[in-house]
Amino acid sequence: MRSSLLFSTAIVLVLLFSCSGKNDKKEAAERYLRSQTIDYKEPVSNAESSDTGIVKVITDKIFDKTISKGVSLVDFWATWCKPCRLQAPIIEQLATEYKGKIKFYKMDVDENYNVPNRFKIASIPTLIVFKDGVQVEKFVGLQDLSTLQNALAKYK
């Protein structure tokens, strides 16, 4: 699976750099990823916060206030990122499992620049666990369910 993931990432990068403009790159990558056999879910709109699911969408503007109390996991992702989309159902499962104990959020790094820069997000998906606004755990790359369950168990 790891080699196919690397191959898919390489194809996306080729598509990104073969297009002329930023929008062309994003559109080409999204077209490619939609053509893959995984379940594709359209991202939630660019609302400040979305209550449409158990994992809330947040932005730079409300980030600090949102994670200031309790334990939160923030998934830094992008619509064109296949590993990010593979990570999403795992995060949703965890959000259901830890409902009422840990809050789960997602932030699109293409739409929000300040917070990802502050936490030096260089690769996605990146998952950061915060306790009362302070970073306590960080995971870079696609994480399996058991790894995240083991990490979150100490915060429930």
N, C-alpha and C. Protein backbone atom coordinates (compact mmCIF):
# COMPACT_ATOMS: atom_id res chain seq x y z
N MET A 1 0.82 -1.19 0.00
CA MET A 1 0.00 0.00 0.00
C MET A 1 0.87 1.25 0.00
N ARG A 2 1.98 1.20 0.74
CA ARG A 2 2.85 2.37 0.84
C ARG A 2 3.40 2.77 -0.54
N SER A 3 3.80 1.78 -1.36
CA SER A 3 4.35 2.10 -2.68
C SER A 3 3.27 2.66 -3.59
N SER A 4 2.04 2.15 -3.50
CA SER A 4 0.97 2.72 -4.34
C SER A 4 0.61 4.12 -3.89
N LEU A 5 0.71 4.40 -2.60
CA LEU A 5 0.47 5.74 -2.08
C LEU A 5 1.53 6.70 -2.59
N LEU A 6 2.79 6.27 -2.57
CA LEU A 6 3.87 7.10 -3.09
C LEU A 6 3.71 7.33 -4.59
N PHE A 7 3.31 6.30 -5.32
CA PHE A 7 3.09 6.43 -6.76
C PHE A 7 1.97 7.42 -7.04
N SER A 8 0.87 7.31 -6.30
CA SER A 8 -0.25 8.24 -6.48
C SER A 8 0.16 9.66 -6.16
N THR A 9 0.94 9.83 -5.11
CA THR A 9 1.41 11.16 -4.75
C THR A 9 2.30 11.72 -5.85
N ALA A 10 3.15 10.88 -6.42
CA ALA A 10 4.03 11.32 -7.50
C ALA A 10 3.22 11.77 -8.71
N ILE A 11 2.17 11.04 -9.04
CA ILE A 11 1.31 11.41 -10.16
C ILE A 11 0.65 12.76 -9.89
N VAL A 12 0.16 12.95 -8.69
CA VAL A 12 -0.47 14.23 -8.34
C VAL A 12 0.54 15.36 -8.48
N LEU A 13 1.76 15.14 -8.03
CA LEU A 13 2.79 16.18 -8.14
C LEU A 13 3.10 16.50 -9.59
N VAL A 14 3.18 15.48 -10.43
CA VAL A 14 3.41 15.70 -11.86
C VAL A 14 2.27 16.54 -12.44
N LEU A 15 1.04 16.19 -12.09
CA LEU A 15 -0.10 16.96 -12.56
C LEU A 15 -0.03 18.41 -12.08
N LEU A 16 0.34 18.58 -10.84
CA LEU A 16 0.42 19.93 -10.28
C LEU A 16 1.43 20.79 -11.01
N PHE A 17 2.60 20.23 -11.29
CA PHE A 17 3.66 21.03 -11.89
C PHE A 17 3.58 21.09 -13.41
N SER A 18 2.71 20.31 -14.01
CA SER A 18 2.56 20.38 -15.46
C SER A 18 1.53 21.41 -15.89
N CYS A 19 0.78 21.94 -14.96
CA CYS A 19 -0.23 22.95 -15.27
C CYS A 19 0.37 24.34 -15.09
N SER A 20 -0.21 25.32 -15.77
CA SER A 20 0.39 26.64 -15.76
C SER A 20 0.02 27.48 -14.55
N GLY A 21 -1.25 27.60 -14.17
CA GLY A 21 -1.67 28.48 -13.09
C GLY A 21 -2.05 27.73 -11.84
N LYS A 22 -2.20 28.46 -10.72
CA LYS A 22 -2.54 27.84 -9.44
C LYS A 22 -3.89 27.12 -9.53
N ASN A 23 -4.88 27.77 -10.12
CA ASN A 23 -6.21 27.14 -10.23
C ASN A 23 -6.16 25.92 -11.13
N ASP A 24 -5.37 26.01 -12.22
CA ASP A 24 -5.22 24.85 -13.10
C ASP A 24 -4.62 23.67 -12.36
N LYS A 25 -3.63 23.94 -11.51
CA LYS A 25 -2.98 22.88 -10.74
C LYS A 25 -3.97 22.21 -9.81
N LYS A 26 -4.72 23.03 -9.11
CA LYS A 26 -5.68 22.49 -8.15
C LYS A 26 -6.76 21.69 -8.87
N GLU A 27 -7.27 22.23 -9.98
CA GLU A 27 -8.31 21.53 -10.74
C GLU A 27 -7.79 20.21 -11.30
N ALA A 28 -6.57 20.22 -11.81
CA ALA A 28 -6.00 18.99 -12.37
C ALA A 28 -5.84 17.93 -11.28
N ALA A 29 -5.36 18.34 -10.14
CA ALA A 29 -5.20 17.38 -9.03
C ALA A 29 -6.54 16.85 -8.56
N GLU A 30 -7.53 17.73 -8.45
CA GLU A 30 -8.86 17.28 -8.02
C GLU A 30 -9.48 16.33 -9.04
N ARG A 31 -9.32 16.61 -10.33
CA ARG A 31 -9.84 15.70 -11.37
C ARG A 31 -9.20 14.32 -11.24
N TYR A 32 -7.89 14.31 -11.04
CA TYR A 32 -7.20 13.03 -10.90
C TYR A 32 -7.71 12.27 -9.68
N LEU A 33 -7.78 12.94 -8.55
CA LEU A 33 -8.18 12.26 -7.32
C LEU A 33 -9.63 11.78 -7.39
N ARG A 34 -10.50 12.54 -8.03
CA ARG A 34 -11.89 12.09 -8.18
C ARG A 34 -11.98 10.83 -9.04
N SER A 35 -11.01 10.67 -9.93
CA SER A 35 -11.04 9.50 -10.81
C SER A 35 -10.60 8.22 -10.11
N GLN A 36 -10.02 8.35 -8.94
CA GLN A 36 -9.56 7.17 -8.20
C GLN A 36 -10.76 6.41 -7.64
N THR A 37 -10.54 5.20 -7.22
CA THR A 37 -11.63 4.33 -6.80
C THR A 37 -12.08 4.54 -5.36
N ILE A 38 -11.43 5.44 -4.61
CA ILE A 38 -11.87 5.67 -3.23
C ILE A 38 -13.11 6.54 -3.22
N ASP A 39 -13.82 6.48 -2.14
CA ASP A 39 -15.04 7.28 -1.97
C ASP A 39 -14.64 8.75 -1.83
N TYR A 40 -15.09 9.59 -2.75
CA TYR A 40 -14.76 11.01 -2.73
C TYR A 40 -15.91 11.78 -2.12
N LYS A 41 -15.60 12.58 -1.12
CA LYS A 41 -16.61 13.44 -0.51
C LYS A 41 -16.24 14.88 -0.80
N GLU A 42 -17.19 15.64 -1.29
CA GLU A 42 -16.94 17.05 -1.53
C GLU A 42 -16.68 17.74 -0.21
N PRO A 43 -15.73 18.67 -0.18
CA PRO A 43 -15.45 19.36 1.07
C PRO A 43 -16.60 20.26 1.47
N VAL A 44 -16.68 20.53 2.77
CA VAL A 44 -17.70 21.44 3.28
C VAL A 44 -17.33 22.83 2.82
N SER A 45 -18.31 23.71 2.67
CA SER A 45 -18.07 25.06 2.20
C SER A 45 -17.09 25.80 3.11
N ASN A 46 -16.68 26.96 2.66
CA ASN A 46 -15.70 27.75 3.40
C ASN A 46 -16.32 28.55 4.53
N ALA A 47 -17.33 28.03 5.16
CA ALA A 47 -17.95 28.70 6.30
C ALA A 47 -16.94 28.80 7.42
N GLU A 48 -17.14 29.73 8.34
CA GLU A 48 -16.23 29.89 9.47
C GLU A 48 -16.16 28.60 10.28
N SER A 49 -17.28 28.00 10.52
CA SER A 49 -17.34 26.74 11.22
C SER A 49 -18.55 26.00 10.70
N SER A 50 -18.43 24.71 10.55
CA SER A 50 -19.53 23.94 10.01
C SER A 50 -19.99 22.92 11.03
N ASP A 51 -21.29 22.89 11.29
CA ASP A 51 -21.85 21.93 12.22
C ASP A 51 -22.57 20.81 11.48
N THR A 52 -22.18 20.57 10.21
CA THR A 52 -22.87 19.57 9.42
C THR A 52 -22.50 18.15 9.80
N GLY A 53 -21.40 17.96 10.49
CA GLY A 53 -20.99 16.62 10.86
C GLY A 53 -20.35 16.63 12.22
N ILE A 54 -19.84 15.49 12.61
CA ILE A 54 -19.23 15.38 13.93
C ILE A 54 -17.83 16.01 13.94
N VAL A 55 -17.18 16.10 12.77
CA VAL A 55 -15.90 16.79 12.63
C VAL A 55 -16.19 18.17 12.06
N LYS A 56 -15.87 19.20 12.82
CA LYS A 56 -16.19 20.57 12.43
C LYS A 56 -15.08 21.18 11.58
N VAL A 57 -15.46 22.03 10.64
CA VAL A 57 -14.51 22.76 9.82
C VAL A 57 -14.23 24.10 10.50
N ILE A 58 -12.94 24.41 10.67
CA ILE A 58 -12.57 25.69 11.29
C ILE A 58 -11.63 26.46 10.38
N THR A 59 -11.48 27.75 10.67
CA THR A 59 -10.62 28.63 9.89
C THR A 59 -9.61 29.32 10.78
N ASP A 60 -8.68 30.03 10.15
CA ASP A 60 -7.69 30.82 10.89
C ASP A 60 -8.37 31.76 11.88
N LYS A 61 -9.45 32.36 11.45
CA LYS A 61 -10.12 33.40 12.23
C LYS A 61 -10.62 32.90 13.59
N ILE A 62 -11.11 31.68 13.65
CA ILE A 62 -11.69 31.17 14.90
C ILE A 62 -10.85 30.10 15.58
N PHE A 63 -9.69 29.81 15.04
CA PHE A 63 -8.87 28.70 15.52
C PHE A 63 -8.55 28.80 17.01
N ASP A 64 -7.93 29.90 17.43
CA ASP A 64 -7.47 30.02 18.82
C ASP A 64 -8.61 29.89 19.82
N LYS A 65 -9.72 30.53 19.54
CA LYS A 65 -10.87 30.45 20.45
C LYS A 65 -11.43 29.03 20.49
N THR A 66 -11.45 28.37 19.35
CA THR A 66 -12.04 27.04 19.24
C THR A 66 -11.28 25.99 20.04
N ILE A 67 -9.95 26.05 20.02
CA ILE A 67 -9.16 25.00 20.69
C ILE A 67 -8.69 25.40 22.08
N SER A 68 -9.13 26.53 22.58
CA SER A 68 -8.60 27.08 23.83
C SER A 68 -8.96 26.26 25.08
N LYS A 69 -10.04 25.50 25.04
CA LYS A 69 -10.45 24.74 26.22
C LYS A 69 -10.67 23.27 25.86
N GLY A 70 -10.20 22.41 26.74
CA GLY A 70 -10.40 20.98 26.54
C GLY A 70 -9.39 20.38 25.58
N VAL A 71 -9.67 19.16 25.14
CA VAL A 71 -8.79 18.45 24.22
C VAL A 71 -9.41 18.48 22.82
N SER A 72 -8.60 18.84 21.85
CA SER A 72 -9.04 18.94 20.46
C SER A 72 -8.02 18.28 19.55
N LEU A 73 -8.51 17.64 18.49
CA LEU A 73 -7.64 17.13 17.44
C LEU A 73 -7.98 17.91 16.18
N VAL A 74 -6.96 18.50 15.55
CA VAL A 74 -7.17 19.26 14.31
C VAL A 74 -6.47 18.52 13.18
N ASP A 75 -7.24 18.26 12.14
CA ASP A 75 -6.76 17.59 10.93
C ASP A 75 -6.48 18.67 9.90
N PHE A 76 -5.20 18.90 9.57
CA PHE A 76 -4.81 19.85 8.53
C PHE A 76 -4.76 19.08 7.22
N TRP A 77 -5.54 19.52 6.23
CA TRP A 77 -5.74 18.74 5.02
C TRP A 77 -5.96 19.66 3.83
N ALA A 78 -6.14 19.08 2.64
CA ALA A 78 -6.51 19.82 1.42
C ALA A 78 -7.37 18.90 0.56
N THR A 79 -8.21 19.51 -0.25
CA THR A 79 -9.14 18.73 -1.07
C THR A 79 -8.44 17.84 -2.08
N TRP A 80 -7.29 18.24 -2.57
CA TRP A 80 -6.59 17.49 -3.60
C TRP A 80 -5.72 16.36 -3.04
N CYS A 81 -5.61 16.26 -1.74
CA CYS A 81 -4.69 15.32 -1.08
C CYS A 81 -5.38 13.97 -0.83
N LYS A 82 -4.96 12.95 -1.58
CA LYS A 82 -5.56 11.62 -1.43
C LYS A 82 -5.33 11.04 -0.04
N PRO A 83 -4.12 11.10 0.53
CA PRO A 83 -3.95 10.59 1.90
C PRO A 83 -4.85 11.33 2.90
N CYS A 84 -5.09 12.61 2.66
CA CYS A 84 -5.99 13.37 3.54
C CYS A 84 -7.41 12.80 3.48
N ARG A 85 -7.83 12.46 2.28
CA ARG A 85 -9.18 11.91 2.12
C ARG A 85 -9.26 10.50 2.68
N LEU A 86 -8.17 9.77 2.66
CA LEU A 86 -8.14 8.45 3.28
C LEU A 86 -8.16 8.58 4.80
N GLN A 87 -7.59 9.66 5.32
CA GLN A 87 -7.54 9.91 6.76
C GLN A 87 -8.92 10.30 7.31
N ALA A 88 -9.72 10.98 6.49
CA ALA A 88 -11.00 11.54 6.94
C ALA A 88 -11.94 10.52 7.61
N PRO A 89 -12.18 9.35 7.02
CA PRO A 89 -13.09 8.40 7.69
C PRO A 89 -12.55 7.90 9.03
N ILE A 90 -11.24 7.83 9.15
CA ILE A 90 -10.64 7.42 10.43
C ILE A 90 -10.90 8.48 11.48
N ILE A 91 -10.75 9.75 11.09
CA ILE A 91 -11.02 10.86 12.02
C ILE A 91 -12.49 10.86 12.41
N GLU A 92 -13.38 10.62 11.46
CA GLU A 92 -14.82 10.58 11.75
C GLU A 92 -15.14 9.45 12.72
N GLN A 93 -14.50 8.31 12.55
CA GLN A 93 -14.72 7.18 13.46
C GLN A 93 -14.25 7.53 14.87
N LEU A 94 -13.09 8.17 14.97
CA LEU A 94 -12.59 8.60 16.28
C LEU A 94 -13.50 9.64 16.91
N ALA A 95 -14.02 10.55 16.10
CA ALA A 95 -14.91 11.59 16.61
C ALA A 95 -16.17 10.97 17.21
N THR A 96 -16.66 9.91 16.60
CA THR A 96 -17.82 9.20 17.14
C THR A 96 -17.45 8.48 18.43
N GLU A 97 -16.29 7.83 18.42
CA GLU A 97 -15.82 7.07 19.58
C GLU A 97 -15.56 7.97 20.79
N TYR A 98 -15.01 9.15 20.56
CA TYR A 98 -14.64 10.06 21.66
C TYR A 98 -15.60 11.23 21.81
N LYS A 99 -16.81 11.07 21.31
CA LYS A 99 -17.80 12.15 21.37
C LYS A 99 -18.02 12.58 22.83
N GLY A 100 -17.97 13.90 23.04
CA GLY A 100 -18.16 14.44 24.37
C GLY A 100 -16.89 14.49 25.21
N LYS A 101 -15.81 13.86 24.72
CA LYS A 101 -14.55 13.83 25.46
C LYS A 101 -13.46 14.62 24.75
N ILE A 102 -13.41 14.48 23.43
CA ILE A 102 -12.42 15.17 22.60
C ILE A 102 -13.16 15.80 21.43
N LYS A 103 -12.79 17.04 21.08
CA LYS A 103 -13.39 17.72 19.93
C LYS A 103 -12.52 17.50 18.70
N PHE A 104 -13.15 17.34 17.56
CA PHE A 104 -12.44 17.07 16.31
C PHE A 104 -12.75 18.16 15.29
N TYR A 105 -11.67 18.67 14.67
CA TYR A 105 -11.79 19.75 13.69
C TYR A 105 -10.94 19.43 12.48
N LYS A 106 -11.26 20.09 11.36
CA LYS A 106 -10.44 19.99 10.17
C LYS A 106 -10.22 21.39 9.62
N MET A 107 -9.02 21.62 9.10
CA MET A 107 -8.68 22.92 8.53
C MET A 107 -8.04 22.71 7.17
N ASP A 108 -8.63 23.33 6.15
CA ASP A 108 -8.12 23.26 4.78
C ASP A 108 -6.92 24.20 4.66
N VAL A 109 -5.74 23.64 4.39
CA VAL A 109 -4.52 24.46 4.33
C VAL A 109 -4.46 25.35 3.09
N ASP A 110 -5.27 25.05 2.08
CA ASP A 110 -5.32 25.91 0.89
C ASP A 110 -6.14 27.17 1.14
N GLU A 111 -7.03 27.10 2.09
CA GLU A 111 -7.91 28.23 2.40
C GLU A 111 -7.44 29.02 3.62
N ASN A 112 -6.58 28.44 4.42
CA ASN A 112 -6.10 29.05 5.67
C ASN A 112 -4.59 28.95 5.70
N TYR A 113 -3.92 30.07 5.86
CA TYR A 113 -2.46 30.08 5.81
C TYR A 113 -1.81 30.34 7.17
N ASN A 114 -2.41 31.17 7.99
CA ASN A 114 -1.78 31.62 9.23
C ASN A 114 -1.52 30.48 10.22
N VAL A 115 -2.54 29.73 10.54
CA VAL A 115 -2.39 28.66 11.53
C VAL A 115 -1.44 27.56 11.02
N PRO A 116 -1.61 27.07 9.78
CA PRO A 116 -0.64 26.07 9.30
C PRO A 116 0.80 26.58 9.33
N ASN A 117 1.01 27.85 9.01
CA ASN A 117 2.37 28.41 9.07
C ASN A 117 2.87 28.47 10.51
N ARG A 118 2.01 28.86 11.43
CA ARG A 118 2.40 28.96 12.83
C ARG A 118 2.86 27.60 13.38
N PHE A 119 2.20 26.53 12.96
CA PHE A 119 2.55 25.19 13.45
C PHE A 119 3.47 24.44 12.48
N LYS A 120 4.03 25.17 11.52
CA LYS A 120 5.02 24.63 10.58
C LYS A 120 4.51 23.37 9.88
N ILE A 121 3.30 23.46 9.34
CA ILE A 121 2.71 22.35 8.60
C ILE A 121 3.37 22.34 7.21
N ALA A 122 4.21 21.35 6.96
CA ALA A 122 4.91 21.25 5.69
C ALA A 122 4.38 20.09 4.85
N SER A 123 3.73 19.13 5.48
CA SER A 123 3.18 17.95 4.80
C SER A 123 1.78 17.71 5.33
N ILE A 124 0.93 17.21 4.45
CA ILE A 124 -0.42 16.88 4.88
C ILE A 124 -0.72 15.44 4.47
N PRO A 125 -1.58 14.78 5.20
CA PRO A 125 -2.26 15.27 6.39
C PRO A 125 -1.32 15.41 7.58
N THR A 126 -1.58 16.42 8.39
CA THR A 126 -0.94 16.57 9.68
C THR A 126 -2.05 16.66 10.71
N LEU A 127 -1.93 15.89 11.76
CA LEU A 127 -2.92 15.89 12.85
C LEU A 127 -2.22 16.41 14.10
N ILE A 128 -2.84 17.41 14.74
CA ILE A 128 -2.27 17.94 15.98
C ILE A 128 -3.32 17.86 17.07
N VAL A 129 -2.90 17.34 18.22
CA VAL A 129 -3.76 17.27 19.40
C VAL A 129 -3.38 18.44 20.30
N PHE A 130 -4.40 19.19 20.73
CA PHE A 130 -4.21 20.33 21.62
C PHE A 130 -4.93 20.07 22.94
N LYS A 131 -4.32 20.49 24.02
CA LYS A 131 -4.98 20.45 25.32
C LYS A 131 -4.96 21.87 25.88
N ASP A 132 -6.14 22.44 26.06
CA ASP A 132 -6.29 23.83 26.51
C ASP A 132 -5.44 24.78 25.67
N GLY A 133 -5.45 24.58 24.36
CA GLY A 133 -4.77 25.46 23.42
C GLY A 133 -3.29 25.20 23.22
N VAL A 134 -2.74 24.20 23.90
CA VAL A 134 -1.31 23.89 23.79
C VAL A 134 -1.14 22.57 23.03
N GLN A 135 -0.24 22.57 22.05
CA GLN A 135 0.03 21.36 21.29
C GLN A 135 0.66 20.30 22.19
N VAL A 136 0.06 19.08 22.18
CA VAL A 136 0.61 17.98 22.99
C VAL A 136 1.01 16.76 22.16
N GLU A 137 0.49 16.66 20.95
CA GLU A 137 0.84 15.54 20.05
C GLU A 137 0.80 16.06 18.62
N LYS A 138 1.65 15.49 17.76
CA LYS A 138 1.63 15.84 16.33
C LYS A 138 1.93 14.60 15.51
N PHE A 139 1.12 14.38 14.48
CA PHE A 139 1.29 13.24 13.58
C PHE A 139 1.35 13.76 12.16
N VAL A 140 2.36 13.36 11.41
CA VAL A 140 2.51 13.78 10.02
C VAL A 140 2.33 12.56 9.13
N GLY A 141 1.47 12.69 8.13
CA GLY A 141 1.21 11.59 7.22
C GLY A 141 -0.02 10.80 7.65
N LEU A 142 -0.42 9.89 6.80
CA LEU A 142 -1.60 9.06 7.04
C LEU A 142 -1.37 8.17 8.26
N GLN A 143 -2.30 8.24 9.23
CA GLN A 143 -2.19 7.48 10.47
C GLN A 143 -3.32 6.44 10.54
N ASP A 144 -2.99 5.26 11.05
CA ASP A 144 -4.04 4.25 11.18
C ASP A 144 -4.84 4.46 12.47
N LEU A 145 -5.96 3.80 12.54
CA LEU A 145 -6.89 3.96 13.65
C LEU A 145 -6.24 3.63 14.99
N SER A 146 -5.54 2.51 15.07
CA SER A 146 -4.97 2.09 16.36
C SER A 146 -3.91 3.06 16.87
N THR A 147 -3.11 3.62 15.98
CA THR A 147 -2.10 4.61 16.39
C THR A 147 -2.77 5.81 17.04
N LEU A 148 -3.83 6.30 16.42
CA LEU A 148 -4.52 7.47 16.95
C LEU A 148 -5.30 7.12 18.23
N GLN A 149 -5.89 5.94 18.28
CA GLN A 149 -6.60 5.53 19.50
C GLN A 149 -5.63 5.46 20.68
N ASN A 150 -4.46 4.90 20.46
CA ASN A 150 -3.45 4.80 21.52
C ASN A 150 -3.01 6.18 21.99
N ALA A 151 -2.85 7.10 21.06
CA ALA A 151 -2.42 8.46 21.42
C ALA A 151 -3.52 9.22 22.16
N LEU A 152 -4.75 9.04 21.73
CA LEU A 152 -5.87 9.80 22.33
C LEU A 152 -6.36 9.20 23.64
N ALA A 153 -6.05 7.95 23.90
CA ALA A 153 -6.55 7.27 25.10
C ALA A 153 -6.18 8.01 26.38
N LYS A 154 -5.04 8.64 26.40
CA LYS A 154 -4.61 9.34 27.62
C LYS A 154 -5.32 10.67 27.84
N TYR A 155 -6.11 11.11 26.87
CA TYR A 155 -6.79 12.41 26.99
C TYR A 155 -8.29 12.30 27.21
N LYS A 156 -8.84 11.08 27.23
CA LYS A 156 -10.30 10.98 27.36
C LYS A 156 -10.77 11.09 28.77
